[in-house]
């Protein structure tokens, strides 16, 4: 009774505000009860490097049968060429028995004794994907080592994860490869699943085939932001620092400097710039955004773009994810977001 009495004394306007906010739909929370998929990760790395050297020639033939076009994709990435080439088998055997690659595989297995966590994260993410995109294909997922060539390899209905690119920030291999600290910080198991979803989206909705027209900073930052927003929708519980690849302090910079970032872009008339160098400086990987302060993260404007996309979707709840990802009129998105940070 006391609780009810206190509620009754609250002004009507406050009650209305509380009621409205509590009933507002959270776009990231969806009912997946009717969405079932069976995602299993195939371990190509173990199939290769767990085979005794004297059995590798025979194993090469069986792998071609077991993995089909996926093995061909993998072989191309690691520089061995097409599996149909008559010289392929001998090159593959040399690769699979090279002591440096075997040592790398031993390191990988210490960090990745299994992929149970990754499999669970990807299965949940692709359940969200099937909810939003019921007619699209769920890829087969394969783990491997690419000898540091690629983090995620995407080809048709294939998603291949190179575990040697996720060995942890302190991995002794990375400095000798010219990988900077700000890059190695994100090369940990915590980033693997979200990188997979981002890479899958980047392939499904490739910028060059999307039809944006003239490449501008606005087009580029909103396209990148859509990929991040997609990743958030697929993995709604993902930490912001992992989603954006920022440190906690960099996230604080973006939050506290949101109005400043937007004012800079608008006042300098940069949104419609077609300068490729400028676009790369704003949206490419970097330790910080040189146009702001060293406290800023690289790709800070992608965070700004995410805020625009998020507001656009909140203002237009009838727009589906399929429709959003297909949208190429970025001025319509900007206008519909009513974005005006203060």
C-alpha atoms as a PDB file:
ATOM      1  CA  UNK A   1       0.000   0.000   0.000  1.00  0.00           C
ATOM      2  CA  UNK A   2       2.805   2.399   0.813  1.00  0.00           C
ATOM      3  CA  UNK A   3       4.389   1.731  -2.551  1.00  0.00           C
ATOM      4  CA  UNK A   4       1.119   2.427  -4.365  1.00  0.00           C
ATOM      5  CA  UNK A   5       0.475   5.576  -2.367  1.00  0.00           C
ATOM      6  CA  UNK A   6       3.881   6.939  -3.293  1.00  0.00           C
ATOM      7  CA  UNK A   7       3.208   6.242  -6.966  1.00  0.00           C
ATOM      8  CA  UNK A   8      -0.087   8.098  -6.802  1.00  0.00           C
ATOM      9  CA  UNK A   9       1.632  11.233  -5.532  1.00  0.00           C
ATOM     10  CA  UNK A  10       4.042  11.330  -8.495  1.00  0.00           C
ATOM     11  CA  UNK A  11       3.068  14.051 -10.991  1.00  0.00           C
ATOM     12  CA  UNK A  12       1.200  12.761 -14.032  1.00  0.00           C
ATOM     13  CA  UNK A  13       3.863  13.993 -16.460  1.00  0.00           C
ATOM     14  CA  UNK A  14       6.554  11.975 -14.714  1.00  0.00           C
ATOM     15  CA  UNK A  15       4.311   8.916 -14.685  1.00  0.00           C
ATOM     16  CA  UNK A  16       3.762   9.275 -18.410  1.00  0.00           C
ATOM     17  CA  UNK A  17       7.489   9.569 -19.022  1.00  0.00           C
ATOM     18  CA  UNK A  18       8.265   6.466 -16.969  1.00  0.00           C
ATOM     19  CA  UNK A  19       5.476   4.515 -18.659  1.00  0.00           C
ATOM     20  CA  UNK A  20       6.554   5.564 -22.140  1.00  0.00           C
ATOM     21  CA  UNK A  21      10.216   4.734 -21.608  1.00  0.00           C
ATOM     22  CA  UNK A  22       9.416   1.366 -20.058  1.00  0.00           C
ATOM     23  CA  UNK A  23       7.238   0.417 -23.020  1.00  0.00           C
ATOM     24  CA  UNK A  24       9.686   1.583 -25.665  1.00  0.00           C
ATOM     25  CA  UNK A  25      10.864  -1.420 -27.628  1.00  0.00           C
ATOM     26  CA  UNK A  26      14.525  -2.338 -27.309  1.00  0.00           C
ATOM     27  CA  UNK A  27      15.557  -3.001 -30.937  1.00  0.00           C
ATOM     28  CA  UNK A  28      18.404  -5.263 -29.846  1.00  0.00           C
ATOM     29  CA  UNK A  29      16.226  -7.703 -27.919  1.00  0.00           C
ATOM     30  CA  UNK A  30      14.355 -10.161 -30.114  1.00  0.00           C
ATOM     31  CA  UNK A  31      12.536 -13.433 -29.556  1.00  0.00           C
ATOM     32  CA  UNK A  32      14.631 -16.270 -30.944  1.00  0.00           C
ATOM     33  CA  UNK A  33      12.511 -19.099 -29.556  1.00  0.00           C
ATOM     34  CA  UNK A  34      11.471 -20.244 -33.032  1.00  0.00           C
ATOM     35  CA  UNK A  35      14.908 -19.874 -34.618  1.00  0.00           C
ATOM     36  CA  UNK A  36      17.078 -22.966 -34.613  1.00  0.00           C
ATOM     37  CA  UNK A  37      20.314 -23.557 -36.495  1.00  0.00           C
ATOM     38  CA  UNK A  38      22.947 -26.240 -36.228  1.00  0.00           C
ATOM     39  CA  UNK A  39      26.329 -24.579 -36.427  1.00  0.00           C
ATOM     40  CA  UNK A  40      29.386 -26.765 -36.023  1.00  0.00           C
ATOM     41  CA  UNK A  41      32.951 -25.577 -36.443  1.00  0.00           C
ATOM     42  CA  UNK A  42      35.179 -27.799 -38.551  1.00  0.00           C
ATOM     43  CA  UNK A  43      38.830 -27.868 -37.495  1.00  0.00           C
ATOM     44  CA  UNK A  44      40.967 -27.824 -40.644  1.00  0.00           C
ATOM     45  CA  UNK A  45      44.035 -26.896 -38.613  1.00  0.00           C
ATOM     46  CA  UNK A  46      43.939 -30.114 -36.608  1.00  0.00           C
ATOM     47  CA  UNK A  47      43.186 -32.154 -39.705  1.00  0.00           C
ATOM     48  CA  UNK A  48      46.372 -30.805 -41.274  1.00  0.00           C
ATOM     49  CA  UNK A  49      48.848 -30.427 -38.436  1.00  0.00           C
ATOM     50  CA  UNK A  50      47.581 -33.364 -36.378  1.00  0.00           C
ATOM     51  CA  UNK A  51      48.541 -35.740 -39.189  1.00  0.00           C
ATOM     52  CA  UNK A  52      51.910 -37.552 -38.967  1.00  0.00           C
ATOM     53  CA  UNK A  53      54.323 -36.307 -41.669  1.00  0.00           C
ATOM     54  CA  UNK A  54      54.598 -39.738 -43.293  1.00  0.00           C
ATOM     55  CA  UNK A  55      50.822 -39.797 -43.807  1.00  0.00           C
ATOM     56  CA  UNK A  56      50.515 -36.269 -45.153  1.00  0.00           C
ATOM     57  CA  UNK A  57      50.537 -37.125 -48.859  1.00  0.00           C
ATOM     58  CA  UNK A  58      47.569 -39.456 -48.438  1.00  0.00           C
ATOM     59  CA  UNK A  59      45.895 -36.935 -46.151  1.00  0.00           C
ATOM     60  CA  UNK A  60      46.119 -34.254 -48.821  1.00  0.00           C
ATOM     61  CA  UNK A  61      43.909 -36.347 -51.103  1.00  0.00           C
ATOM     62  CA  UNK A  62      41.317 -37.010 -48.418  1.00  0.00           C
ATOM     63  CA  UNK A  63      41.212 -33.324 -47.430  1.00  0.00           C
ATOM     64  CA  UNK A  64      40.356 -32.393 -51.012  1.00  0.00           C
ATOM     65  CA  UNK A  65      37.368 -34.728 -50.782  1.00  0.00           C
ATOM     66  CA  UNK A  66      36.320 -33.690 -47.259  1.00  0.00           C
ATOM     67  CA  UNK A  67      36.658 -29.927 -47.636  1.00  0.00           C
ATOM     68  CA  UNK A  68      36.134 -29.422 -51.366  1.00  0.00           C
ATOM     69  CA  UNK A  69      36.111 -25.792 -52.473  1.00  0.00           C
ATOM     70  CA  UNK A  70      36.907 -24.637 -48.922  1.00  0.00           C
ATOM     71  CA  UNK A  71      40.331 -26.272 -49.161  1.00  0.00           C
ATOM     72  CA  UNK A  72      40.873 -24.571 -52.502  1.00  0.00           C
ATOM     73  CA  UNK A  73      40.050 -21.186 -50.940  1.00  0.00           C
ATOM     74  CA  UNK A  74      42.397 -21.884 -48.046  1.00  0.00           C
ATOM     75  CA  UNK A  75      45.161 -23.042 -50.372  1.00  0.00           C
ATOM     76  CA  UNK A  76      44.873 -19.862 -52.403  1.00  0.00           C
ATOM     77  CA  UNK A  77      45.100 -17.660 -49.303  1.00  0.00           C
ATOM     78  CA  UNK A  78      48.263 -19.340 -47.999  1.00  0.00           C
ATOM     79  CA  UNK A  79      49.876 -19.099 -51.419  1.00  0.00           C
ATOM     80  CA  UNK A  80      49.790 -22.745 -52.540  1.00  0.00           C
ATOM     81  CA  UNK A  81      47.546 -22.124 -55.514  1.00  0.00           C
ATOM     82  CA  UNK A  82      44.689 -24.191 -56.907  1.00  0.00           C
ATOM     83  CA  UNK A  83      44.260 -27.706 -55.514  1.00  0.00           C
ATOM     84  CA  UNK A  84      43.702 -29.021 -59.043  1.00  0.00           C
ATOM     85  CA  UNK A  85      47.250 -28.090 -60.047  1.00  0.00           C
ATOM     86  CA  UNK A  86      49.482 -31.154 -60.366  1.00  0.00           C
ATOM     87  CA  UNK A  87      52.157 -29.445 -58.270  1.00  0.00           C
ATOM     88  CA  UNK A  88      49.770 -28.673 -55.443  1.00  0.00           C
ATOM     89  CA  UNK A  89      50.189 -31.848 -53.394  1.00  0.00           C
ATOM     90  CA  UNK A  90      53.942 -31.552 -53.028  1.00  0.00           C
ATOM     91  CA  UNK A  91      53.630 -27.877 -52.077  1.00  0.00           C
ATOM     92  CA  UNK A  92      50.931 -28.723 -49.540  1.00  0.00           C
ATOM     93  CA  UNK A  93      53.004 -31.488 -47.937  1.00  0.00           C
ATOM     94  CA  UNK A  94      55.947 -29.095 -47.556  1.00  0.00           C
ATOM     95  CA  UNK A  95      53.653 -26.511 -45.961  1.00  0.00           C
ATOM     96  CA  UNK A  96      52.055 -29.016 -43.583  1.00  0.00           C
ATOM     97  CA  UNK A  97      55.382 -30.473 -42.424  1.00  0.00           C
ATOM     98  CA  UNK A  98      57.331 -27.206 -42.141  1.00  0.00           C
ATOM     99  CA  UNK A  99      58.662 -26.991 -38.571  1.00  0.00           C
ATOM    100  CA  UNK A 100      57.867 -23.285 -38.347  1.00  0.00           C
ATOM    101  CA  UNK A 101      54.222 -23.977 -39.133  1.00  0.00           C
ATOM    102  CA  UNK A 102      54.152 -26.895 -36.692  1.00  0.00           C
ATOM    103  CA  UNK A 103      55.593 -24.641 -33.970  1.00  0.00           C
ATOM    104  CA  UNK A 104      52.961 -22.026 -34.769  1.00  0.00           C
ATOM    105  CA  UNK A 105      50.262 -24.672 -34.518  1.00  0.00           C
ATOM    106  CA  UNK A 106      51.560 -25.688 -31.066  1.00  0.00           C
ATOM    107  CA  UNK A 107      51.245 -22.054 -29.964  1.00  0.00           C
ATOM    108  CA  UNK A 108      47.726 -21.847 -31.381  1.00  0.00           C
ATOM    109  CA  UNK A 109      46.606 -24.940 -29.472  1.00  0.00           C
ATOM    110  CA  UNK A 110      47.836 -23.457 -26.200  1.00  0.00           C
ATOM    111  CA  UNK A 111      45.612 -20.423 -26.688  1.00  0.00           C
ATOM    112  CA  UNK A 112      42.832 -22.358 -28.426  1.00  0.00           C
ATOM    113  CA  UNK A 113      42.628 -25.839 -26.808  1.00  0.00           C
ATOM    114  CA  UNK A 114      39.091 -25.951 -28.208  1.00  0.00           C
ATOM    115  CA  UNK A 115      36.621 -23.678 -29.999  1.00  0.00           C
ATOM    116  CA  UNK A 116      33.579 -24.326 -27.819  1.00  0.00           C
ATOM    117  CA  UNK A 117      33.195 -20.697 -26.797  1.00  0.00           C
ATOM    118  CA  UNK A 118      33.564 -19.444 -30.364  1.00  0.00           C
ATOM    119  CA  UNK A 119      31.048 -21.996 -31.589  1.00  0.00           C
ATOM    120  CA  UNK A 120      28.510 -20.924 -28.969  1.00  0.00           C
ATOM    121  CA  UNK A 121      28.978 -17.229 -29.746  1.00  0.00           C
ATOM    122  CA  UNK A 122      28.660 -17.750 -33.485  1.00  0.00           C
ATOM    123  CA  UNK A 123      25.655 -20.028 -33.160  1.00  0.00           C
ATOM    124  CA  UNK A 124      23.848 -17.390 -31.119  1.00  0.00           C
ATOM    125  CA  UNK A 125      24.914 -14.639 -33.542  1.00  0.00           C
ATOM    126  CA  UNK A 126      23.714 -16.580 -36.571  1.00  0.00           C
ATOM    127  CA  UNK A 127      20.417 -17.344 -34.850  1.00  0.00           C
ATOM    128  CA  UNK A 128      19.950 -13.566 -34.771  1.00  0.00           C
ATOM    129  CA  UNK A 129      21.047 -13.454 -38.399  1.00  0.00           C
ATOM    130  CA  UNK A 130      18.413 -16.037 -39.362  1.00  0.00           C
ATOM    131  CA  UNK A 131      15.800 -14.022 -37.459  1.00  0.00           C
ATOM    132  CA  UNK A 132      16.575 -10.849 -39.403  1.00  0.00           C
ATOM    133  CA  UNK A 133      17.502 -12.469 -42.722  1.00  0.00           C
ATOM    134  CA  UNK A 134      15.512 -15.716 -42.938  1.00  0.00           C
ATOM    135  CA  UNK A 135      16.243 -16.251 -46.635  1.00  0.00           C
ATOM    136  CA  UNK A 136      20.001 -15.856 -46.396  1.00  0.00           C
ATOM    137  CA  UNK A 137      22.484 -18.694 -46.042  1.00  0.00           C
ATOM    138  CA  UNK A 138      24.234 -19.606 -42.808  1.00  0.00           C
ATOM    139  CA  UNK A 139      27.883 -20.247 -43.737  1.00  0.00           C
ATOM    140  CA  UNK A 140      29.939 -23.255 -42.837  1.00  0.00           C
ATOM    141  CA  UNK A 141      32.586 -22.235 -40.299  1.00  0.00           C
ATOM    142  CA  UNK A 142      36.108 -23.635 -40.449  1.00  0.00           C
ATOM    143  CA  UNK A 143      39.102 -22.829 -38.246  1.00  0.00           C
ATOM    144  CA  UNK A 144      42.666 -22.898 -39.546  1.00  0.00           C
ATOM    145  CA  UNK A 145      45.954 -21.047 -39.455  1.00  0.00           C
ATOM    146  CA  UNK A 146      46.797 -18.839 -42.413  1.00  0.00           C
ATOM    147  CA  UNK A 147      50.356 -18.128 -41.206  1.00  0.00           C
ATOM    148  CA  UNK A 148      49.191 -14.589 -40.368  1.00  0.00           C
ATOM    149  CA  UNK A 149      47.812 -13.836 -43.855  1.00  0.00           C
ATOM    150  CA  UNK A 150      44.170 -13.142 -43.010  1.00  0.00           C
ATOM    151  CA  UNK A 151      42.077 -12.966 -39.859  1.00  0.00           C
ATOM    152  CA  UNK A 152      38.756 -13.951 -41.442  1.00  0.00           C
ATOM    153  CA  UNK A 153      38.352 -15.506 -44.884  1.00  0.00           C
ATOM    154  CA  UNK A 154      34.912 -15.261 -46.494  1.00  0.00           C
ATOM    155  CA  UNK A 155      33.934 -16.950 -49.734  1.00  0.00           C
ATOM    156  CA  UNK A 156      30.348 -17.712 -50.805  1.00  0.00           C
ATOM    157  CA  UNK A 157      28.889 -19.747 -47.935  1.00  0.00           C
ATOM    158  CA  UNK A 158      32.234 -20.128 -46.175  1.00  0.00           C
ATOM    159  CA  UNK A 159      33.537 -18.370 -43.071  1.00  0.00           C
ATOM    160  CA  UNK A 160      37.105 -19.374 -42.254  1.00  0.00           C
ATOM    161  CA  UNK A 161      38.744 -18.201 -39.038  1.00  0.00           C
ATOM    162  CA  UNK A 162      42.527 -17.952 -38.847  1.00  0.00           C
ATOM    163  CA  UNK A 163      43.254 -18.642 -35.185  1.00  0.00           C
ATOM    164  CA  UNK A 164      46.880 -17.493 -35.431  1.00  0.00           C
ATOM    165  CA  UNK A 165      45.508 -13.958 -35.770  1.00  0.00           C
ATOM    166  CA  UNK A 166      43.872 -14.256 -32.326  1.00  0.00           C
ATOM    167  CA  UNK A 167      46.693 -15.313 -30.013  1.00  0.00           C
ATOM    168  CA  UNK A 168      46.544 -12.368 -27.624  1.00  0.00           C
ATOM    169  CA  UNK A 169      48.038  -8.899 -27.425  1.00  0.00           C
ATOM    170  CA  UNK A 170      51.287 -10.225 -25.952  1.00  0.00           C
ATOM    171  CA  UNK A 171      51.904 -12.784 -28.695  1.00  0.00           C
ATOM    172  CA  UNK A 172      55.632 -12.777 -29.467  1.00  0.00           C
ATOM    173  CA  UNK A 173      55.040 -13.372 -33.177  1.00  0.00           C
ATOM    174  CA  UNK A 174      53.216 -10.105 -33.785  1.00  0.00           C
ATOM    175  CA  UNK A 175      55.926  -7.434 -33.301  1.00  0.00           C
ATOM    176  CA  UNK A 176      58.248  -9.165 -35.787  1.00  0.00           C
ATOM    177  CA  UNK A 177      55.425  -9.090 -38.346  1.00  0.00           C
ATOM    178  CA  UNK A 178      55.124  -5.314 -38.094  1.00  0.00           C
ATOM    179  CA  UNK A 179      51.859  -5.524 -36.149  1.00  0.00           C
ATOM    180  CA  UNK A 180      51.551  -2.482 -33.892  1.00  0.00           C
ATOM    181  CA  UNK A 181      50.391  -2.578 -30.306  1.00  0.00           C
ATOM    182  CA  UNK A 182      47.064  -0.898 -31.046  1.00  0.00           C
ATOM    183  CA  UNK A 183      46.383  -3.651 -33.613  1.00  0.00           C
ATOM    184  CA  UNK A 184      47.595  -6.546 -31.443  1.00  0.00           C
ATOM    185  CA  UNK A 185      45.331  -5.335 -28.625  1.00  0.00           C
ATOM    186  CA  UNK A 186      42.372  -6.531 -30.712  1.00  0.00           C
ATOM    187  CA  UNK A 187      43.960  -9.813 -31.810  1.00  0.00           C
ATOM    188  CA  UNK A 188      42.598 -11.836 -28.908  1.00  0.00           C
ATOM    189  CA  UNK A 189      39.963 -14.592 -28.613  1.00  0.00           C
ATOM    190  CA  UNK A 190      37.502 -11.988 -27.264  1.00  0.00           C
ATOM    191  CA  UNK A 191      37.349 -10.312 -30.679  1.00  0.00           C
ATOM    192  CA  UNK A 192      37.057 -13.415 -32.836  1.00  0.00           C
ATOM    193  CA  UNK A 193      33.272 -13.880 -33.019  1.00  0.00           C
ATOM    194  CA  UNK A 194      32.502 -10.191 -33.581  1.00  0.00           C
ATOM    195  CA  UNK A 195      35.202  -9.993 -36.262  1.00  0.00           C
ATOM    196  CA  UNK A 196      33.508 -12.946 -37.958  1.00  0.00           C
ATOM    197  CA  UNK A 197      30.136 -11.214 -38.028  1.00  0.00           C
ATOM    198  CA  UNK A 198      31.620  -7.921 -39.211  1.00  0.00           C
ATOM    199  CA  UNK A 199      33.544  -9.700 -41.984  1.00  0.00           C
ATOM    200  CA  UNK A 200      30.462 -11.653 -43.020  1.00  0.00           C
ATOM    201  CA  UNK A 201      28.445  -8.438 -43.296  1.00  0.00           C
ATOM    202  CA  UNK A 202      31.250  -6.657 -45.154  1.00  0.00           C
ATOM    203  CA  UNK A 203      31.126  -9.403 -47.790  1.00  0.00           C
ATOM    204  CA  UNK A 204      27.343  -9.726 -47.992  1.00  0.00           C
ATOM    205  CA  UNK A 205      27.024  -5.941 -48.346  1.00  0.00           C
ATOM    206  CA  UNK A 206      30.250  -5.037 -50.085  1.00  0.00           C
ATOM    207  CA  UNK A 207      30.759  -1.284 -50.419  1.00  0.00           C
ATOM    208  CA  UNK A 208      31.978  -1.432 -54.013  1.00  0.00           C
ATOM    209  CA  UNK A 209      28.886  -3.332 -55.170  1.00  0.00           C
ATOM    210  CA  UNK A 210      26.356  -1.470 -53.053  1.00  0.00           C
ATOM    211  CA  UNK A 211      25.704   1.425 -55.422  1.00  0.00           C
ATOM    212  CA  UNK A 212      26.500   4.411 -53.216  1.00  0.00           C
ATOM    213  CA  UNK A 213      27.683   6.430 -56.180  1.00  0.00           C
ATOM    214  CA  UNK A 214      30.536   8.859 -55.654  1.00  0.00           C
ATOM    215  CA  UNK A 215      32.600   7.839 -52.646  1.00  0.00           C
ATOM    216  CA  UNK A 216      32.327  10.449 -49.921  1.00  0.00           C
ATOM    217  CA  UNK A 217      33.242  10.545 -46.263  1.00  0.00           C
ATOM    218  CA  UNK A 218      29.545  10.393 -45.327  1.00  0.00           C
ATOM    219  CA  UNK A 219      28.926   7.322 -47.501  1.00  0.00           C
ATOM    220  CA  UNK A 220      31.998   5.572 -46.171  1.00  0.00           C
ATOM    221  CA  UNK A 221      31.440   6.293 -42.492  1.00  0.00           C
ATOM    222  CA  UNK A 222      27.767   5.306 -42.638  1.00  0.00           C
ATOM    223  CA  UNK A 223      28.537   2.130 -44.553  1.00  0.00           C
ATOM    224  CA  UNK A 224      31.148   1.180 -41.961  1.00  0.00           C
ATOM    225  CA  UNK A 225      28.701   2.150 -39.233  1.00  0.00           C
ATOM    226  CA  UNK A 226      26.043  -0.125 -40.729  1.00  0.00           C
ATOM    227  CA  UNK A 227      28.473  -3.032 -40.493  1.00  0.00           C
ATOM    228  CA  UNK A 228      29.095  -2.230 -36.824  1.00  0.00           C
ATOM    229  CA  UNK A 229      25.357  -1.815 -36.213  1.00  0.00           C
ATOM    230  CA  UNK A 230      24.770  -5.171 -37.912  1.00  0.00           C
ATOM    231  CA  UNK A 231      27.337  -6.733 -35.562  1.00  0.00           C
ATOM    232  CA  UNK A 232      25.560  -5.208 -32.564  1.00  0.00           C
ATOM    233  CA  UNK A 233      22.219  -6.612 -33.742  1.00  0.00           C
ATOM    234  CA  UNK A 234      23.756 -10.057 -34.160  1.00  0.00           C
ATOM    235  CA  UNK A 235      25.569  -9.868 -30.804  1.00  0.00           C
ATOM    236  CA  UNK A 236      23.471  -7.565 -28.612  1.00  0.00           C
ATOM    237  CA  UNK A 237      25.365  -8.365 -25.397  1.00  0.00           C
ATOM    238  CA  UNK A 238      28.771  -7.524 -26.872  1.00  0.00           C
ATOM    239  CA  UNK A 239      30.759  -4.949 -24.892  1.00  0.00           C
ATOM    240  CA  UNK A 240      31.064  -1.568 -26.606  1.00  0.00           C
ATOM    241  CA  UNK A 241      34.836  -1.681 -26.328  1.00  0.00           C
ATOM    242  CA  UNK A 242      34.901  -4.947 -28.278  1.00  0.00           C
ATOM    243  CA  UNK A 243      32.256  -3.820 -30.761  1.00  0.00           C
ATOM    244  CA  UNK A 244      34.228  -0.713 -31.732  1.00  0.00           C
ATOM    245  CA  UNK A 245      37.708  -1.966 -30.870  1.00  0.00           C
ATOM    246  CA  UNK A 246      38.256   0.996 -28.534  1.00  0.00           C
ATOM    247  CA  UNK A 247      39.772   1.163 -25.081  1.00  0.00           C
ATOM    248  CA  UNK A 248      37.627   2.377 -22.209  1.00  0.00           C
ATOM    249  CA  UNK A 249      39.282   5.801 -22.349  1.00  0.00           C
ATOM    250  CA  UNK A 250      38.694   6.021 -26.091  1.00  0.00           C
ATOM    251  CA  UNK A 251      35.026   5.227 -25.561  1.00  0.00           C
ATOM    252  CA  UNK A 252      34.897   8.016 -22.971  1.00  0.00           C
ATOM    253  CA  UNK A 253      36.470  10.405 -25.476  1.00  0.00           C
ATOM    254  CA  UNK A 254      33.797   9.621 -28.067  1.00  0.00           C
ATOM    255  CA  UNK A 255      30.968  10.054 -25.575  1.00  0.00           C
ATOM    256  CA  UNK A 256      32.272  13.318 -24.159  1.00  0.00           C
ATOM    257  CA  UNK A 257      33.331  14.686 -27.550  1.00  0.00           C
ATOM    258  CA  UNK A 258      30.346  13.635 -29.642  1.00  0.00           C
ATOM    259  CA  UNK A 259      29.214  17.201 -30.322  1.00  0.00           C
ATOM    260  CA  UNK A 260      32.772  18.352 -31.041  1.00  0.00           C
ATOM    261  CA  UNK A 261      33.365  15.563 -33.577  1.00  0.00           C
ATOM    262  CA  UNK A 262      30.144  16.345 -35.421  1.00  0.00           C
ATOM    263  CA  UNK A 263      30.733  20.086 -35.361  1.00  0.00           C
ATOM    264  CA  UNK A 264      34.218  19.559 -36.805  1.00  0.00           C
ATOM    265  CA  UNK A 265      32.911  17.454 -39.691  1.00  0.00           C
ATOM    266  CA  UNK A 266      30.123  19.913 -40.488  1.00  0.00           C
ATOM    267  CA  UNK A 267      32.051  23.167 -39.999  1.00  0.00           C
ATOM    268  CA  UNK A 268      34.941  21.944 -42.165  1.00  0.00           C
ATOM    269  CA  UNK A 269      32.465  20.774 -44.834  1.00  0.00           C
ATOM    270  CA  UNK A 270      33.992  17.294 -44.775  1.00  0.00           C
ATOM    271  CA  UNK A 271      30.928  15.049 -44.993  1.00  0.00           C
ATOM    272  CA  UNK A 272      30.758  15.224 -48.776  1.00  0.00           C
ATOM    273  CA  UNK A 273      34.502  15.260 -49.362  1.00  0.00           C
ATOM    274  CA  UNK A 274      35.689  12.848 -52.057  1.00  0.00           C
ATOM    275  CA  UNK A 275      39.353  13.115 -51.038  1.00  0.00           C
ATOM    276  CA  UNK A 276      40.489   9.488 -50.768  1.00  0.00           C
ATOM    277  CA  UNK A 277      43.376  10.337 -48.435  1.00  0.00           C
ATOM    278  CA  UNK A 278      41.077  12.208 -46.051  1.00  0.00           C
ATOM    279  CA  UNK A 279      38.493   9.407 -46.101  1.00  0.00           C
ATOM    280  CA  UNK A 280      41.158   6.827 -45.225  1.00  0.00           C
ATOM    281  CA  UNK A 281      42.518   9.009 -42.414  1.00  0.00           C
ATOM    282  CA  UNK A 282      39.073   9.240 -40.856  1.00  0.00           C
ATOM    283  CA  UNK A 283      37.803   5.700 -41.411  1.00  0.00           C
ATOM    284  CA  UNK A 284      40.947   3.538 -41.649  1.00  0.00           C
ATOM    285  CA  UNK A 285      42.643   1.691 -38.815  1.00  0.00           C
ATOM    286  CA  UNK A 286      44.961   3.966 -36.822  1.00  0.00           C
ATOM    287  CA  UNK A 287      46.108   4.444 -33.210  1.00  0.00           C
ATOM    288  CA  UNK A 288      44.118   7.700 -33.093  1.00  0.00           C
ATOM    289  CA  UNK A 289      42.322  10.132 -35.391  1.00  0.00           C
ATOM    290  CA  UNK A 290      44.928  12.735 -36.301  1.00  0.00           C
ATOM    291  CA  UNK A 291      42.303  15.445 -36.909  1.00  0.00           C
ATOM    292  CA  UNK A 292      41.294  15.228 -33.255  1.00  0.00           C
ATOM    293  CA  UNK A 293      43.532  14.545 -30.242  1.00  0.00           C
ATOM    294  CA  UNK A 294      45.743  11.577 -29.436  1.00  0.00           C
ATOM    295  CA  UNK A 295      43.106  10.565 -26.886  1.00  0.00           C
ATOM    296  CA  UNK A 296      40.728   9.830 -29.751  1.00  0.00           C
ATOM    297  CA  UNK A 297      40.522   6.381 -31.330  1.00  0.00           C
ATOM    298  CA  UNK A 298      41.119   5.686 -34.979  1.00  0.00           C
ATOM    299  CA  UNK A 299      37.766   5.434 -36.784  1.00  0.00           C
ATOM    300  CA  UNK A 300      36.133   7.762 -34.264  1.00  0.00           C
ATOM    301  CA  UNK A 301      33.802   8.963 -37.021  1.00  0.00           C
ATOM    302  CA  UNK A 302      32.561   5.382 -37.477  1.00  0.00           C
ATOM    303  CA  UNK A 303      31.343   5.616 -33.884  1.00  0.00           C
ATOM    304  CA  UNK A 304      29.592   8.857 -34.898  1.00  0.00           C
ATOM    305  CA  UNK A 305      28.115   7.052 -37.886  1.00  0.00           C
ATOM    306  CA  UNK A 306      26.880   4.298 -35.595  1.00  0.00           C
ATOM    307  CA  UNK A 307      25.084   6.885 -33.481  1.00  0.00           C
ATOM    308  CA  UNK A 308      23.403   8.185 -36.642  1.00  0.00           C
ATOM    309  CA  UNK A 309      22.361   4.688 -37.764  1.00  0.00           C
ATOM    310  CA  UNK A 310      21.098   3.824 -34.300  1.00  0.00           C
ATOM    311  CA  UNK A 311      18.994   6.975 -34.111  1.00  0.00           C
ATOM    312  CA  UNK A 312      17.675   6.429 -37.623  1.00  0.00           C
ATOM    313  CA  UNK A 313      16.511   2.924 -36.720  1.00  0.00           C
ATOM    314  CA  UNK A 314      15.001   4.083 -33.435  1.00  0.00           C
ATOM    315  CA  UNK A 315      13.109   6.838 -35.261  1.00  0.00           C
ATOM    316  CA  UNK A 316      11.968   4.446 -37.985  1.00  0.00           C
ATOM    317  CA  UNK A 317      11.080   1.155 -36.252  1.00  0.00           C
ATOM    318  CA  UNK A 318       9.346  -0.216 -39.343  1.00  0.00           C
ATOM    319  CA  UNK A 319      12.606  -0.267 -41.309  1.00  0.00           C
ATOM    320  CA  UNK A 320      13.916  -3.836 -41.400  1.00  0.00           C
ATOM    321  CA  UNK A 321      17.544  -4.834 -41.142  1.00  0.00           C
ATOM    322  CA  UNK A 322      17.409  -6.058 -44.736  1.00  0.00           C
ATOM    323  CA  UNK A 323      16.170  -2.629 -45.829  1.00  0.00           C
ATOM    324  CA  UNK A 324      18.769  -0.789 -43.767  1.00  0.00           C
ATOM    325  CA  UNK A 325      21.677  -2.802 -45.121  1.00  0.00           C
ATOM    326  CA  UNK A 326      20.469  -2.189 -48.685  1.00  0.00           C
ATOM    327  CA  UNK A 327      20.062   1.568 -48.244  1.00  0.00           C
ATOM    328  CA  UNK A 328      22.534   3.683 -50.203  1.00  0.00           C
ATOM    329  CA  UNK A 329      20.962   7.131 -49.850  1.00  0.00           C
ATOM    330  CA  UNK A 330      23.005   8.287 -46.884  1.00  0.00           C
ATOM    331  CA  UNK A 331      21.489  11.766 -46.870  1.00  0.00           C
ATOM    332  CA  UNK A 332      18.089  10.153 -46.275  1.00  0.00           C
ATOM    333  CA  UNK A 333      19.544   8.191 -43.371  1.00  0.00           C
ATOM    334  CA  UNK A 334      21.111  11.327 -41.926  1.00  0.00           C
ATOM    335  CA  UNK A 335      17.896  13.337 -42.275  1.00  0.00           C
ATOM    336  CA  UNK A 336      15.802  10.510 -40.846  1.00  0.00           C
ATOM    337  CA  UNK A 337      18.093  10.183 -37.836  1.00  0.00           C
ATOM    338  CA  UNK A 338      17.538  13.814 -36.831  1.00  0.00           C
ATOM    339  CA  UNK A 339      21.070  13.642 -35.511  1.00  0.00           C
ATOM    340  CA  UNK A 340      22.096  16.797 -33.666  1.00  0.00           C
ATOM    341  CA  UNK A 341      24.398  16.125 -30.706  1.00  0.00           C
ATOM    342  CA  UNK A 342      24.777  18.907 -28.211  1.00  0.00           C
END
